[in-house]
């Protein structure tokens, strides 16, 4: 199992989606299941009310890769934690990959039972820090390529550098800043330069 914690904003979620897409690309036939811990809880409670927990358990426990985001949200929810614990055990016993995230390390998860915390700490525990400058720069250049800006003719290296230095939060904020700068320039018919980027971000 892999346990991710920390990060800024949606960093963990982006990383989990990247893991899922990587598995899809490498092994297209694999069944990958991603859900937030809140959705896990809601679906489990709905299955209990409908007296159909078996299909819920089967769907999760037979996934080739299961990803559960923000497990801290089930703190204090005893029945949900019980189900989470048994789901984790089944997947680990079957030697299938399991990725779980939270906003803090396992030992600091308030309201999470000791046995669940123990399972979370059993595998690889990784602290997800904010993206460094070089990574932010690469993300912006990759996004520009996906948008059809293969050359620096429309968006200069100076603009990309400015955005990578200025926007240090999560990846979504970074991509959003680039989108706003491009949209602003298009609607105003102005150049995509550092002055424009500074004005948009202010």
N, C-alpha and C. Protein backbone atom coordinates (compact mmCIF):
# COMPACT_ATOMS: atom_id res chain seq x y z
N UNK A 1 0.82 -1.21 0.00
CA UNK A 1 0.00 0.00 0.00
C UNK A 1 0.85 1.27 0.00
N UNK A 2 0.30 2.31 -0.58
CA UNK A 2 0.97 3.62 -0.63
C UNK A 2 0.08 4.62 0.08
N UNK A 3 0.66 5.36 1.04
CA UNK A 3 -0.09 6.38 1.77
C UNK A 3 0.53 7.73 1.49
N UNK A 4 -0.26 8.66 0.95
CA UNK A 4 0.20 10.00 0.62
C UNK A 4 -0.40 10.99 1.60
N UNK A 5 0.42 11.94 2.07
CA UNK A 5 -0.14 12.96 2.95
C UNK A 5 0.55 14.29 2.72
N UNK A 6 -0.09 15.34 3.24
CA UNK A 6 0.47 16.68 3.12
C UNK A 6 0.11 17.30 1.79
N UNK A 7 1.02 18.09 1.27
CA UNK A 7 0.78 18.76 0.01
C UNK A 7 -0.06 20.01 0.18
N UNK A 8 -0.22 20.74 -0.90
CA UNK A 8 -1.01 21.97 -0.89
C UNK A 8 -2.23 21.78 -1.76
N UNK A 9 -3.39 22.13 -1.24
CA UNK A 9 -4.61 22.09 -2.05
C UNK A 9 -4.86 20.71 -2.62
N UNK A 10 -4.97 20.63 -3.94
CA UNK A 10 -5.35 19.38 -4.59
C UNK A 10 -4.16 18.56 -5.07
N UNK A 11 -2.98 18.82 -4.51
CA UNK A 11 -1.78 18.12 -4.96
C UNK A 11 -1.90 16.61 -4.87
N UNK A 12 -2.43 16.10 -3.76
CA UNK A 12 -2.57 14.66 -3.58
C UNK A 12 -3.55 14.09 -4.60
N UNK A 13 -4.65 14.79 -4.80
CA UNK A 13 -5.67 14.32 -5.75
C UNK A 13 -5.09 14.24 -7.15
N UNK A 14 -4.33 15.26 -7.56
CA UNK A 14 -3.69 15.24 -8.88
C UNK A 14 -2.74 14.06 -9.00
N UNK A 15 -1.98 13.81 -7.95
CA UNK A 15 -1.03 12.70 -7.98
C UNK A 15 -1.77 11.36 -8.08
N UNK A 16 -2.85 11.23 -7.35
CA UNK A 16 -3.62 9.99 -7.40
C UNK A 16 -4.22 9.78 -8.79
N UNK A 17 -4.72 10.84 -9.39
CA UNK A 17 -5.24 10.73 -10.76
C UNK A 17 -4.13 10.35 -11.73
N UNK A 18 -2.94 10.90 -11.51
CA UNK A 18 -1.80 10.56 -12.38
C UNK A 18 -1.45 9.08 -12.25
N UNK A 19 -1.49 8.56 -11.03
CA UNK A 19 -1.23 7.13 -10.81
C UNK A 19 -2.26 6.30 -11.57
N UNK A 20 -3.53 6.69 -11.44
CA UNK A 20 -4.61 5.95 -12.12
C UNK A 20 -4.43 5.97 -13.63
N UNK A 21 -4.11 7.15 -14.19
CA UNK A 21 -3.92 7.25 -15.64
C UNK A 21 -2.71 6.46 -16.11
N UNK A 22 -1.66 6.43 -15.28
CA UNK A 22 -0.47 5.66 -15.63
C UNK A 22 -0.81 4.18 -15.74
N UNK A 23 -1.58 3.67 -14.77
CA UNK A 23 -1.99 2.27 -14.81
C UNK A 23 -2.86 1.99 -16.03
N UNK A 24 -3.78 2.93 -16.33
CA UNK A 24 -4.63 2.78 -17.52
C UNK A 24 -3.79 2.70 -18.79
N UNK A 25 -2.78 3.57 -18.87
CA UNK A 25 -1.94 3.62 -20.06
C UNK A 25 -1.09 2.36 -20.20
N UNK A 26 -0.53 1.87 -19.09
CA UNK A 26 0.35 0.71 -19.13
C UNK A 26 -0.42 -0.60 -19.25
N UNK A 27 -1.57 -0.67 -18.55
CA UNK A 27 -2.35 -1.90 -18.52
C UNK A 27 -3.82 -1.55 -18.72
N UNK A 28 -4.23 -1.31 -19.97
CA UNK A 28 -5.58 -0.82 -20.26
C UNK A 28 -6.72 -1.70 -19.74
N UNK A 29 -6.49 -2.98 -19.57
CA UNK A 29 -7.56 -3.86 -19.12
C UNK A 29 -7.81 -3.83 -17.63
N UNK A 30 -6.93 -3.19 -16.87
CA UNK A 30 -7.05 -3.19 -15.42
C UNK A 30 -8.21 -2.31 -14.96
N UNK A 31 -8.90 -2.76 -13.90
CA UNK A 31 -10.02 -2.00 -13.36
C UNK A 31 -9.52 -1.12 -12.22
N UNK A 32 -9.51 0.19 -12.46
CA UNK A 32 -9.02 1.16 -11.49
C UNK A 32 -10.22 1.88 -10.88
N UNK A 33 -10.25 1.96 -9.56
CA UNK A 33 -11.37 2.60 -8.86
C UNK A 33 -10.83 3.69 -7.94
N UNK A 34 -11.27 4.93 -8.20
CA UNK A 34 -10.89 6.08 -7.36
C UNK A 34 -12.14 6.64 -6.71
N UNK A 35 -12.06 6.95 -5.41
CA UNK A 35 -13.16 7.64 -4.75
C UNK A 35 -12.64 8.37 -3.51
N UNK A 36 -13.35 9.42 -3.14
CA UNK A 36 -13.00 10.12 -1.91
C UNK A 36 -13.50 9.27 -0.74
N UNK A 37 -12.91 9.49 0.45
CA UNK A 37 -13.36 8.76 1.63
C UNK A 37 -14.81 9.11 1.95
N UNK A 38 -15.20 10.35 1.66
CA UNK A 38 -16.58 10.76 1.88
C UNK A 38 -17.54 9.95 1.00
N UNK A 39 -17.15 9.75 -0.26
CA UNK A 39 -17.99 8.95 -1.17
C UNK A 39 -18.02 7.49 -0.72
N UNK A 40 -16.87 7.00 -0.25
CA UNK A 40 -16.81 5.64 0.30
C UNK A 40 -17.84 5.50 1.41
N UNK A 41 -17.86 6.47 2.32
CA UNK A 41 -18.79 6.43 3.44
C UNK A 41 -20.24 6.49 2.97
N UNK A 42 -20.54 7.42 2.07
CA UNK A 42 -21.92 7.56 1.58
C UNK A 42 -22.41 6.31 0.87
N UNK A 43 -21.56 5.73 0.03
CA UNK A 43 -21.96 4.52 -0.70
C UNK A 43 -22.11 3.33 0.23
N UNK A 44 -21.23 3.26 1.23
CA UNK A 44 -21.32 2.15 2.19
C UNK A 44 -22.61 2.25 3.01
N UNK A 45 -22.93 3.45 3.48
CA UNK A 45 -24.16 3.64 4.26
C UNK A 45 -25.41 3.37 3.41
N UNK A 46 -25.36 3.78 2.15
CA UNK A 46 -26.49 3.51 1.24
C UNK A 46 -26.64 2.01 1.02
N UNK A 47 -25.52 1.30 0.90
CA UNK A 47 -25.56 -0.15 0.72
C UNK A 47 -26.12 -0.83 1.96
N UNK A 48 -25.77 -0.31 3.14
CA UNK A 48 -26.30 -0.87 4.39
C UNK A 48 -27.82 -0.68 4.46
N UNK A 49 -28.26 0.52 4.10
CA UNK A 49 -29.70 0.81 4.13
C UNK A 49 -30.47 -0.09 3.15
N UNK A 50 -29.84 -0.35 2.01
CA UNK A 50 -30.47 -1.18 0.98
C UNK A 50 -30.25 -2.67 1.22
N UNK A 51 -29.53 -2.97 2.33
CA UNK A 51 -29.19 -4.36 2.65
C UNK A 51 -28.47 -5.04 1.47
N UNK A 52 -27.52 -4.30 0.89
CA UNK A 52 -26.78 -4.81 -0.27
C UNK A 52 -25.29 -4.48 -0.11
N UNK A 53 -24.74 -4.77 1.04
CA UNK A 53 -23.33 -4.47 1.27
C UNK A 53 -22.41 -5.41 0.49
N UNK A 54 -22.91 -6.57 0.12
CA UNK A 54 -22.08 -7.54 -0.60
C UNK A 54 -21.59 -7.00 -1.93
N UNK A 55 -22.47 -6.36 -2.70
CA UNK A 55 -22.05 -5.83 -4.00
C UNK A 55 -21.08 -4.66 -3.82
N UNK A 56 -21.29 -3.85 -2.78
CA UNK A 56 -20.37 -2.75 -2.48
C UNK A 56 -18.97 -3.30 -2.18
N UNK A 57 -18.93 -4.31 -1.31
CA UNK A 57 -17.64 -4.91 -0.93
C UNK A 57 -16.96 -5.54 -2.14
N UNK A 58 -17.73 -6.26 -2.95
CA UNK A 58 -17.16 -6.94 -4.12
C UNK A 58 -16.56 -5.94 -5.10
N UNK A 59 -17.28 -4.82 -5.33
CA UNK A 59 -16.80 -3.82 -6.29
C UNK A 59 -15.46 -3.23 -5.86
N UNK A 60 -15.32 -2.92 -4.57
CA UNK A 60 -14.08 -2.31 -4.10
C UNK A 60 -12.96 -3.33 -3.96
N UNK A 61 -13.28 -4.47 -3.41
CA UNK A 61 -12.24 -5.44 -3.07
C UNK A 61 -11.70 -6.22 -4.26
N UNK A 62 -12.39 -6.14 -5.39
CA UNK A 62 -11.90 -6.82 -6.59
C UNK A 62 -11.25 -5.86 -7.58
N UNK A 63 -11.16 -4.58 -7.22
CA UNK A 63 -10.51 -3.62 -8.12
C UNK A 63 -9.03 -3.97 -8.26
N UNK A 64 -8.50 -3.76 -9.45
CA UNK A 64 -7.07 -4.02 -9.67
C UNK A 64 -6.21 -2.95 -9.00
N UNK A 65 -6.79 -1.77 -8.87
CA UNK A 65 -6.13 -0.68 -8.13
C UNK A 65 -7.23 0.14 -7.47
N UNK A 66 -7.13 0.30 -6.15
CA UNK A 66 -8.10 1.10 -5.41
C UNK A 66 -7.40 2.33 -4.85
N UNK A 67 -7.99 3.51 -5.10
CA UNK A 67 -7.45 4.77 -4.59
C UNK A 67 -8.53 5.45 -3.75
N UNK A 68 -8.21 5.75 -2.49
CA UNK A 68 -9.14 6.43 -1.58
C UNK A 68 -8.50 7.74 -1.15
N UNK A 69 -9.18 8.85 -1.42
CA UNK A 69 -8.64 10.19 -1.15
C UNK A 69 -9.23 10.77 0.14
N UNK A 70 -8.37 11.46 0.91
CA UNK A 70 -8.80 12.21 2.11
C UNK A 70 -9.47 11.34 3.16
N UNK A 71 -8.75 10.33 3.61
CA UNK A 71 -9.31 9.38 4.59
C UNK A 71 -9.62 10.04 5.93
N UNK A 72 -9.05 11.22 6.18
CA UNK A 72 -9.32 11.90 7.46
C UNK A 72 -10.81 12.19 7.65
N UNK A 73 -11.58 12.23 6.56
CA UNK A 73 -13.00 12.55 6.66
C UNK A 73 -13.84 11.45 7.30
N UNK A 74 -13.28 10.25 7.47
CA UNK A 74 -14.05 9.21 8.14
C UNK A 74 -13.67 9.10 9.61
N UNK A 75 -12.93 10.07 10.11
CA UNK A 75 -12.60 10.10 11.54
C UNK A 75 -13.85 10.10 12.38
N UNK A 76 -13.91 9.20 13.38
CA UNK A 76 -15.07 9.12 14.26
C UNK A 76 -16.23 8.31 13.72
N UNK A 77 -16.14 7.87 12.47
CA UNK A 77 -17.23 7.09 11.85
C UNK A 77 -16.88 5.60 12.00
N UNK A 78 -17.36 4.99 13.07
CA UNK A 78 -16.91 3.65 13.44
C UNK A 78 -17.26 2.58 12.40
N UNK A 79 -18.50 2.56 11.93
CA UNK A 79 -18.89 1.51 10.98
C UNK A 79 -18.15 1.66 9.65
N UNK A 80 -17.94 2.91 9.23
CA UNK A 80 -17.21 3.15 7.98
C UNK A 80 -15.76 2.72 8.13
N UNK A 81 -15.16 3.02 9.28
CA UNK A 81 -13.77 2.61 9.52
C UNK A 81 -13.65 1.09 9.58
N UNK A 82 -14.65 0.44 10.14
CA UNK A 82 -14.66 -1.03 10.18
C UNK A 82 -14.61 -1.59 8.76
N UNK A 83 -15.46 -1.04 7.88
CA UNK A 83 -15.50 -1.50 6.50
C UNK A 83 -14.20 -1.16 5.78
N UNK A 84 -13.67 0.04 6.02
CA UNK A 84 -12.40 0.45 5.41
C UNK A 84 -11.28 -0.50 5.83
N UNK A 85 -11.24 -0.84 7.10
CA UNK A 85 -10.21 -1.74 7.62
C UNK A 85 -10.25 -3.10 6.91
N UNK A 86 -11.44 -3.67 6.80
CA UNK A 86 -11.57 -4.99 6.16
C UNK A 86 -11.29 -4.91 4.65
N UNK A 87 -11.68 -3.81 4.03
CA UNK A 87 -11.38 -3.61 2.60
C UNK A 87 -9.87 -3.55 2.39
N UNK A 88 -9.19 -2.78 3.22
CA UNK A 88 -7.73 -2.68 3.13
C UNK A 88 -7.08 -4.05 3.31
N UNK A 89 -7.54 -4.80 4.31
CA UNK A 89 -6.98 -6.14 4.57
C UNK A 89 -7.14 -7.07 3.38
N UNK A 90 -8.34 -7.05 2.78
CA UNK A 90 -8.61 -7.92 1.63
C UNK A 90 -7.68 -7.59 0.46
N UNK A 91 -7.52 -6.30 0.19
CA UNK A 91 -6.69 -5.88 -0.95
C UNK A 91 -5.22 -6.20 -0.71
N UNK A 92 -4.76 -5.93 0.52
CA UNK A 92 -3.37 -6.23 0.86
C UNK A 92 -3.12 -7.74 0.78
N UNK A 93 -4.05 -8.54 1.30
CA UNK A 93 -3.90 -10.00 1.27
C UNK A 93 -3.86 -10.53 -0.16
N UNK A 94 -4.61 -9.86 -1.06
CA UNK A 94 -4.64 -10.27 -2.47
C UNK A 94 -3.45 -9.71 -3.25
N UNK A 95 -2.60 -8.94 -2.56
CA UNK A 95 -1.40 -8.34 -3.16
C UNK A 95 -1.73 -7.44 -4.35
N UNK A 96 -2.85 -6.71 -4.21
CA UNK A 96 -3.21 -5.72 -5.23
C UNK A 96 -2.86 -4.34 -4.70
N UNK A 97 -2.55 -3.39 -5.61
CA UNK A 97 -2.14 -2.06 -5.15
C UNK A 97 -3.28 -1.26 -4.52
N UNK A 98 -2.92 -0.49 -3.50
CA UNK A 98 -3.85 0.33 -2.75
C UNK A 98 -3.17 1.66 -2.47
N UNK A 99 -3.85 2.76 -2.82
CA UNK A 99 -3.31 4.10 -2.58
C UNK A 99 -4.33 4.88 -1.77
N UNK A 100 -3.89 5.41 -0.62
CA UNK A 100 -4.77 6.17 0.26
C UNK A 100 -4.08 7.49 0.60
N UNK A 101 -4.88 8.57 0.70
CA UNK A 101 -4.29 9.86 1.03
C UNK A 101 -5.00 10.50 2.22
N UNK A 102 -4.29 11.46 2.83
CA UNK A 102 -4.86 12.26 3.92
C UNK A 102 -4.11 13.58 3.97
N UNK A 103 -4.58 14.47 4.83
CA UNK A 103 -3.92 15.77 4.94
C UNK A 103 -2.76 15.77 5.93
N UNK A 104 -2.55 14.65 6.64
CA UNK A 104 -1.47 14.55 7.61
C UNK A 104 -1.05 13.09 7.76
N UNK A 105 0.09 12.84 8.40
CA UNK A 105 0.58 11.45 8.49
C UNK A 105 -0.34 10.56 9.33
N UNK A 106 -0.22 9.23 9.17
CA UNK A 106 -1.13 8.31 9.84
C UNK A 106 -1.24 8.52 11.35
N UNK A 107 -0.10 8.71 12.01
CA UNK A 107 -0.11 8.83 13.48
C UNK A 107 -0.83 10.09 13.97
N UNK A 108 -1.05 11.07 13.08
CA UNK A 108 -1.70 12.32 13.47
C UNK A 108 -3.17 12.39 13.06
N UNK A 109 -3.72 11.29 12.57
CA UNK A 109 -5.11 11.29 12.12
C UNK A 109 -6.07 11.14 13.29
N UNK A 110 -6.66 12.23 13.72
CA UNK A 110 -7.59 12.21 14.84
C UNK A 110 -8.86 11.46 14.48
N UNK A 111 -9.35 10.66 15.43
CA UNK A 111 -10.61 9.96 15.22
C UNK A 111 -10.50 8.72 14.36
N UNK A 112 -9.30 8.40 13.91
CA UNK A 112 -9.08 7.17 13.12
C UNK A 112 -8.56 6.09 14.05
N UNK A 113 -9.20 4.92 14.04
CA UNK A 113 -8.83 3.83 14.94
C UNK A 113 -7.36 3.44 14.77
N UNK A 114 -6.77 2.97 15.87
CA UNK A 114 -5.34 2.59 15.87
C UNK A 114 -5.05 1.52 14.83
N UNK A 115 -5.95 0.55 14.68
CA UNK A 115 -5.69 -0.54 13.72
C UNK A 115 -5.70 -0.04 12.29
N UNK A 116 -6.54 0.97 11.99
CA UNK A 116 -6.57 1.56 10.64
C UNK A 116 -5.29 2.37 10.42
N UNK A 117 -4.90 3.15 11.42
CA UNK A 117 -3.66 3.93 11.32
C UNK A 117 -2.46 3.01 11.12
N UNK A 118 -2.49 1.87 11.80
CA UNK A 118 -1.40 0.90 11.68
C UNK A 118 -1.31 0.37 10.25
N UNK A 119 -2.47 0.06 9.65
CA UNK A 119 -2.49 -0.41 8.26
C UNK A 119 -1.97 0.68 7.31
N UNK A 120 -2.36 1.93 7.57
CA UNK A 120 -1.94 3.03 6.71
C UNK A 120 -0.42 3.22 6.76
N UNK A 121 0.16 3.00 7.93
CA UNK A 121 1.61 3.19 8.10
C UNK A 121 2.41 1.96 7.69
N UNK A 122 1.71 0.88 7.38
CA UNK A 122 2.39 -0.39 7.09
C UNK A 122 3.14 -0.37 5.76
N UNK A 123 2.62 0.34 4.79
CA UNK A 123 3.27 0.37 3.48
C UNK A 123 4.22 1.55 3.33
N UNK A 124 4.30 2.06 2.13
CA UNK A 124 5.15 3.22 1.84
C UNK A 124 4.38 4.49 2.19
N UNK A 125 4.93 5.32 3.06
CA UNK A 125 4.31 6.58 3.47
C UNK A 125 5.10 7.71 2.84
N UNK A 126 4.42 8.57 2.07
CA UNK A 126 5.11 9.64 1.33
C UNK A 126 4.50 11.00 1.64
N UNK A 127 5.36 11.94 2.01
CA UNK A 127 4.95 13.32 2.25
C UNK A 127 4.96 14.06 0.90
N UNK A 128 3.80 14.58 0.49
CA UNK A 128 3.70 15.27 -0.79
C UNK A 128 3.88 16.76 -0.55
N UNK A 129 4.98 17.27 -0.97
CA UNK A 129 5.28 18.69 -0.79
C UNK A 129 4.83 19.50 -2.00
N UNK A 130 4.71 20.83 -1.85
CA UNK A 130 4.36 21.67 -2.99
C UNK A 130 5.35 21.48 -4.15
N UNK A 131 4.85 21.65 -5.37
CA UNK A 131 5.70 21.48 -6.55
C UNK A 131 6.83 22.51 -6.56
N UNK A 132 8.03 22.06 -6.85
CA UNK A 132 9.18 22.96 -6.97
C UNK A 132 9.07 23.76 -8.27
N UNK A 133 9.91 24.78 -8.37
CA UNK A 133 9.88 25.68 -9.53
C UNK A 133 10.00 24.90 -10.85
N UNK A 134 10.98 24.00 -10.93
CA UNK A 134 11.22 23.26 -12.18
C UNK A 134 9.98 22.44 -12.58
N UNK A 135 9.34 21.83 -11.59
CA UNK A 135 8.14 21.04 -11.88
C UNK A 135 7.01 21.95 -12.35
N UNK A 136 6.85 23.10 -11.70
CA UNK A 136 5.80 24.05 -12.12
C UNK A 136 6.05 24.52 -13.55
N UNK A 137 7.31 24.75 -13.89
CA UNK A 137 7.69 25.18 -15.24
C UNK A 137 7.33 24.09 -16.25
N UNK A 138 7.65 22.84 -15.93
CA UNK A 138 7.35 21.72 -16.82
C UNK A 138 5.85 21.53 -16.99
N UNK A 139 5.10 21.71 -15.92
CA UNK A 139 3.64 21.58 -15.98
C UNK A 139 3.05 22.62 -16.92
N UNK A 140 3.52 23.86 -16.82
CA UNK A 140 3.02 24.93 -17.69
C UNK A 140 3.36 24.66 -19.15
N UNK A 141 4.59 24.23 -19.41
CA UNK A 141 4.99 23.94 -20.79
C UNK A 141 4.19 22.77 -21.37
N UNK A 142 3.92 21.76 -20.53
CA UNK A 142 3.12 20.62 -20.98
C UNK A 142 1.70 21.06 -21.30
N UNK A 143 1.14 21.92 -20.46
CA UNK A 143 -0.22 22.42 -20.69
C UNK A 143 -0.27 23.23 -21.98
N UNK A 144 0.73 24.06 -22.22
CA UNK A 144 0.78 24.85 -23.46
C UNK A 144 0.83 23.93 -24.68
N UNK A 145 1.59 22.86 -24.58
CA UNK A 145 1.67 21.90 -25.69
C UNK A 145 0.30 21.27 -25.94
N UNK A 146 -0.39 20.88 -24.86
CA UNK A 146 -1.73 20.29 -25.00
C UNK A 146 -2.72 21.28 -25.60
N UNK A 147 -2.50 22.58 -25.34
CA UNK A 147 -3.40 23.61 -25.86
C UNK A 147 -3.05 24.02 -27.29
N UNK A 148 -1.96 23.45 -27.82
CA UNK A 148 -1.58 23.77 -29.19
C UNK A 148 -0.55 24.87 -29.32
N UNK A 149 0.04 25.27 -28.19
CA UNK A 149 1.09 26.31 -28.23
C UNK A 149 2.45 25.62 -28.20
N UNK A 150 2.79 24.93 -29.29
CA UNK A 150 4.04 24.17 -29.31
C UNK A 150 5.28 25.05 -29.33
N UNK A 151 5.14 26.25 -29.87
CA UNK A 151 6.30 27.15 -29.91
C UNK A 151 6.09 28.27 -28.90
N UNK A 152 7.13 29.09 -28.73
CA UNK A 152 7.04 30.22 -27.81
C UNK A 152 6.57 31.49 -28.51
N UNK A 153 6.01 31.34 -29.72
CA UNK A 153 5.61 32.52 -30.50
C UNK A 153 4.49 33.29 -29.82
N UNK A 154 3.53 32.60 -29.21
CA UNK A 154 2.39 33.27 -28.60
C UNK A 154 2.56 33.46 -27.09
N UNK A 155 3.15 32.48 -26.42
CA UNK A 155 3.40 32.60 -24.98
C UNK A 155 4.90 32.46 -24.77
N UNK A 156 5.52 33.55 -24.41
CA UNK A 156 6.98 33.56 -24.31
C UNK A 156 7.48 32.80 -23.09
N UNK A 157 8.78 32.47 -23.12
CA UNK A 157 9.41 31.81 -21.98
C UNK A 157 9.37 32.70 -20.75
N UNK A 158 9.42 34.02 -20.98
CA UNK A 158 9.38 34.96 -19.86
C UNK A 158 8.05 34.88 -19.11
N UNK A 159 6.94 34.73 -19.87
CA UNK A 159 5.62 34.62 -19.25
C UNK A 159 5.52 33.32 -18.46
N UNK A 160 5.98 32.23 -19.06
CA UNK A 160 5.95 30.93 -18.39
C UNK A 160 6.79 30.98 -17.11
N UNK A 161 7.96 31.59 -17.21
CA UNK A 161 8.84 31.72 -16.05
C UNK A 161 8.17 32.56 -14.96
N UNK A 162 7.52 33.66 -15.35
CA UNK A 162 6.83 34.53 -14.38
C UNK A 162 5.74 33.76 -13.65
N UNK A 163 4.93 33.02 -14.40
CA UNK A 163 3.84 32.26 -13.78
C UNK A 163 4.37 31.17 -12.84
N UNK A 164 5.43 30.48 -13.28
CA UNK A 164 6.00 29.40 -12.45
C UNK A 164 6.56 29.94 -11.14
N UNK A 165 7.08 31.17 -11.16
CA UNK A 165 7.62 31.78 -9.94
C UNK A 165 6.53 32.40 -9.07
N UNK A 166 5.50 32.92 -9.72
CA UNK A 166 4.46 33.67 -9.01
C UNK A 166 3.43 32.76 -8.35
N UNK A 167 3.01 31.70 -9.06
CA UNK A 167 1.95 30.82 -8.56
C UNK A 167 2.59 29.59 -7.94
N UNK A 168 2.64 29.56 -6.61
CA UNK A 168 3.34 28.48 -5.91
C UNK A 168 2.39 27.54 -5.17
N UNK A 169 1.09 27.71 -5.37
CA UNK A 169 0.10 26.85 -4.70
C UNK A 169 -0.04 25.53 -5.41
N UNK A 170 -1.27 25.07 -5.52
CA UNK A 170 -1.46 23.76 -6.14
C UNK A 170 -1.48 23.85 -7.67
N UNK A 171 -1.47 22.67 -8.30
CA UNK A 171 -1.37 22.58 -9.76
C UNK A 171 -2.57 23.22 -10.44
N UNK A 172 -3.75 23.04 -9.86
CA UNK A 172 -4.96 23.62 -10.45
C UNK A 172 -4.87 25.14 -10.49
N UNK A 173 -4.34 25.76 -9.43
CA UNK A 173 -4.15 27.22 -9.42
C UNK A 173 -3.19 27.66 -10.52
N UNK A 174 -2.13 26.87 -10.68
CA UNK A 174 -1.12 27.18 -11.69
C UNK A 174 -1.72 27.12 -13.09
N UNK A 175 -2.43 26.05 -13.40
CA UNK A 175 -3.05 25.92 -14.72
C UNK A 175 -4.15 26.95 -14.90
N UNK A 176 -4.86 27.27 -13.83
CA UNK A 176 -5.91 28.29 -13.90
C UNK A 176 -5.35 29.66 -14.21
N UNK A 177 -4.18 29.98 -13.63
CA UNK A 177 -3.53 31.27 -13.90
C UNK A 177 -3.15 31.38 -15.37
N UNK A 178 -2.62 30.31 -15.94
CA UNK A 178 -2.26 30.31 -17.35
C UNK A 178 -3.51 30.49 -18.21
N UNK A 179 -4.57 29.77 -17.88
CA UNK A 179 -5.83 29.90 -18.63
C UNK A 179 -6.36 31.34 -18.59
N UNK A 180 -6.30 31.97 -17.42
CA UNK A 180 -6.80 33.35 -17.29
C UNK A 180 -5.98 34.32 -18.11
N UNK A 181 -4.67 34.15 -18.10
CA UNK A 181 -3.80 35.05 -18.87
C UNK A 181 -4.10 34.93 -20.36
N UNK A 182 -4.22 33.70 -20.86
CA UNK A 182 -4.49 33.48 -22.28
C UNK A 182 -5.87 34.01 -22.64
N UNK A 183 -6.87 33.72 -21.81
CA UNK A 183 -8.23 34.20 -22.09
C UNK A 183 -8.29 35.73 -22.08
N UNK A 184 -7.64 36.35 -21.12
CA UNK A 184 -7.62 37.81 -21.02
C UNK A 184 -7.00 38.42 -22.28
N UNK A 185 -5.88 37.84 -22.70
CA UNK A 185 -5.19 38.35 -23.89
C UNK A 185 -6.04 38.21 -25.14
N UNK A 186 -6.74 37.08 -25.26
CA UNK A 186 -7.58 36.85 -26.43
C UNK A 186 -8.77 37.81 -26.47
N UNK A 187 -9.43 37.99 -25.32
CA UNK A 187 -10.62 38.86 -25.31
C UNK A 187 -10.26 40.33 -25.49
N UNK A 188 -9.08 40.73 -25.01
CA UNK A 188 -8.64 42.13 -25.15
C UNK A 188 -7.83 42.38 -26.42
N UNK A 189 -7.45 41.29 -27.07
CA UNK A 189 -6.61 41.45 -28.26
C UNK A 189 -5.22 41.97 -27.93
N UNK A 190 -4.79 41.73 -26.69
CA UNK A 190 -3.47 42.22 -26.27
C UNK A 190 -2.44 41.11 -26.31
N UNK A 191 -1.19 41.50 -26.24
CA UNK A 191 -0.09 40.53 -26.28
C UNK A 191 -0.07 39.72 -24.98
N UNK A 192 0.40 38.48 -25.10
CA UNK A 192 0.58 37.65 -23.90
C UNK A 192 2.01 37.89 -23.42
N UNK A 193 2.14 38.89 -22.57
CA UNK A 193 3.47 39.23 -22.05
C UNK A 193 3.43 39.28 -20.52
N UNK A 194 4.58 39.53 -19.93
CA UNK A 194 4.68 39.54 -18.47
C UNK A 194 3.81 40.63 -17.86
N UNK A 195 3.74 41.78 -18.52
CA UNK A 195 2.91 42.87 -18.01
C UNK A 195 1.45 42.46 -17.93
N UNK A 196 0.99 41.79 -18.98
CA UNK A 196 -0.40 41.31 -19.00
C UNK A 196 -0.60 40.26 -17.91
N UNK A 197 0.34 39.33 -17.80
CA UNK A 197 0.23 38.27 -16.77
C UNK A 197 0.18 38.88 -15.38
N UNK A 198 1.03 39.89 -15.14
CA UNK A 198 1.05 40.54 -13.82
C UNK A 198 -0.28 41.23 -13.55
N UNK A 199 -0.84 41.87 -14.56
CA UNK A 199 -2.11 42.55 -14.41
C UNK A 199 -3.24 41.58 -14.10
N UNK A 200 -3.26 40.46 -14.83
CA UNK A 200 -4.32 39.46 -14.62
C UNK A 200 -4.24 38.86 -13.22
N UNK A 201 -3.04 38.54 -12.77
CA UNK A 201 -2.88 37.89 -11.48
C UNK A 201 -3.07 38.85 -10.30
N UNK A 202 -2.97 40.14 -10.58
CA UNK A 202 -3.15 41.10 -9.48
C UNK A 202 -4.62 41.22 -9.12
